[in-house]
């Protein structure tokens, strides 16, 4: 999975299409990512003896195929490639501008 935590991404499919946000958590085993402010649902909280019931906003994961990384140079969606350097390390690179990602 080429999307990592703290990347800025844009949603390209689904009910939140066009929204941008920061990746809060990457779930590589499920191929999903948790994005700030995207796919927010209401969860019902039952009343207990100590707590009041009500509704709570919960952010749910979205499939990684429905998001694209934002290019840090021009803030447009781009694909991600992996380049191997001479010393054997692998670096993520944007396809649009060739900028290295940390």
Protein backbone atom coordinates (compact mmCIF):
# COMPACT_ATOMS: atom_id res chain seq x y z
CA UNK A 1 0.00 0.00 0.00
CA UNK A 2 1.51 3.31 -1.09
CA UNK A 3 -0.59 5.60 1.12
CA UNK A 4 0.90 6.18 4.58
CA UNK A 5 -0.12 7.93 7.80
CA UNK A 6 -0.06 11.78 7.70
CA UNK A 7 -0.37 11.89 3.87
CA UNK A 8 -2.84 14.35 2.39
CA UNK A 9 -5.28 12.60 0.06
CA UNK A 10 -8.37 13.40 -2.03
CA UNK A 11 -11.37 11.07 -2.33
CA UNK A 12 -12.02 10.15 -5.99
CA UNK A 13 -15.08 7.89 -5.59
CA UNK A 14 -18.04 7.42 -3.28
CA UNK A 15 -20.35 9.68 -1.32
CA UNK A 16 -17.48 11.94 -0.16
CA UNK A 17 -16.00 12.43 -3.64
CA UNK A 18 -13.90 15.58 -3.88
CA UNK A 19 -13.15 15.91 -0.17
CA UNK A 20 -9.55 16.15 0.99
CA UNK A 21 -8.11 15.16 4.33
CA UNK A 22 -5.15 13.85 6.26
CA UNK A 23 -4.69 10.10 6.74
CA UNK A 24 -5.13 9.32 10.44
CA UNK A 25 -4.44 5.59 10.17
CA UNK A 26 -3.47 3.13 7.46
CA UNK A 27 -4.87 -0.41 7.63
CA UNK A 28 -2.73 -2.41 5.16
CA UNK A 29 -4.24 -5.81 6.03
CA UNK A 30 -7.68 -4.58 4.94
CA UNK A 31 -6.43 -2.15 2.20
CA UNK A 32 -8.26 0.70 3.94
CA UNK A 33 -7.35 4.13 5.30
CA UNK A 34 -8.95 6.33 7.97
CA UNK A 35 -9.20 9.93 6.73
CA UNK A 36 -9.99 12.98 8.83
CA UNK A 37 -13.48 14.32 8.07
CA UNK A 38 -14.36 11.66 5.46
CA UNK A 39 -16.95 8.87 5.82
CA UNK A 40 -18.27 10.22 9.12
CA UNK A 41 -21.27 8.30 10.48
CA UNK A 42 -23.56 8.79 13.49
CA UNK A 43 -23.32 6.11 16.17
CA UNK A 44 -26.04 5.66 18.79
CA UNK A 45 -24.75 5.55 22.36
CA UNK A 46 -27.04 3.77 24.84
CA UNK A 47 -27.74 5.41 28.14
CA UNK A 48 -26.13 3.78 31.16
CA UNK A 49 -26.30 4.55 34.89
CA UNK A 50 -23.26 6.80 34.71
CA UNK A 51 -23.40 8.19 31.16
CA UNK A 52 -26.01 10.01 29.13
CA UNK A 53 -27.09 8.47 25.84
CA UNK A 54 -27.09 10.19 22.48
CA UNK A 55 -25.31 10.31 19.16
CA UNK A 56 -21.58 10.32 18.46
CA UNK A 57 -19.78 11.05 15.17
CA UNK A 58 -17.50 8.16 14.17
CA UNK A 59 -15.01 8.18 11.30
CA UNK A 60 -15.03 4.90 9.37
CA UNK A 61 -12.30 3.56 7.04
CA UNK A 62 -12.49 3.95 3.26
CA UNK A 63 -10.89 1.65 0.68
CA UNK A 64 -7.48 2.79 -0.53
CA UNK A 65 -8.54 2.49 -4.20
CA UNK A 66 -11.00 5.36 -3.65
CA UNK A 67 -8.31 7.89 -2.69
CA UNK A 68 -5.38 9.55 -4.46
CA UNK A 69 -2.38 11.28 -2.94
CA UNK A 70 -2.18 15.08 -3.24
CA UNK A 71 0.98 16.34 -4.96
CA UNK A 72 2.75 18.64 -2.48
CA UNK A 73 3.98 20.91 -5.32
CA UNK A 74 0.72 21.83 -7.06
CA UNK A 75 -1.99 20.35 -4.74
CA UNK A 76 -3.52 18.12 -7.42
CA UNK A 77 -4.20 14.38 -7.22
CA UNK A 78 -1.37 12.18 -8.44
CA UNK A 79 -0.30 8.56 -8.54
CA UNK A 80 2.59 7.27 -6.46
CA UNK A 81 5.61 5.35 -7.68
CA UNK A 82 8.48 3.70 -5.83
CA UNK A 83 12.07 4.31 -6.89
CA UNK A 84 15.02 2.31 -5.66
CA UNK A 85 18.13 4.38 -4.96
CA UNK A 86 21.77 3.32 -5.34
CA UNK A 87 22.13 2.55 -1.63
CA UNK A 88 19.20 0.10 -1.79
CA UNK A 89 16.55 2.24 -0.10
CA UNK A 90 13.08 2.60 -1.56
CA UNK A 91 11.56 6.07 -1.87
CA UNK A 92 7.99 7.07 -2.75
CA UNK A 93 7.79 9.52 -5.65
CA UNK A 94 4.85 11.41 -7.18
CA UNK A 95 4.27 10.56 -10.82
CA UNK A 96 3.12 14.07 -11.77
CA UNK A 97 6.06 16.16 -10.54
CA UNK A 98 8.65 13.60 -9.41
CA UNK A 99 8.74 14.98 -5.87
CA UNK A 100 10.09 12.62 -3.21
CA UNK A 101 7.75 11.88 -0.30
CA UNK A 102 8.94 11.27 3.23
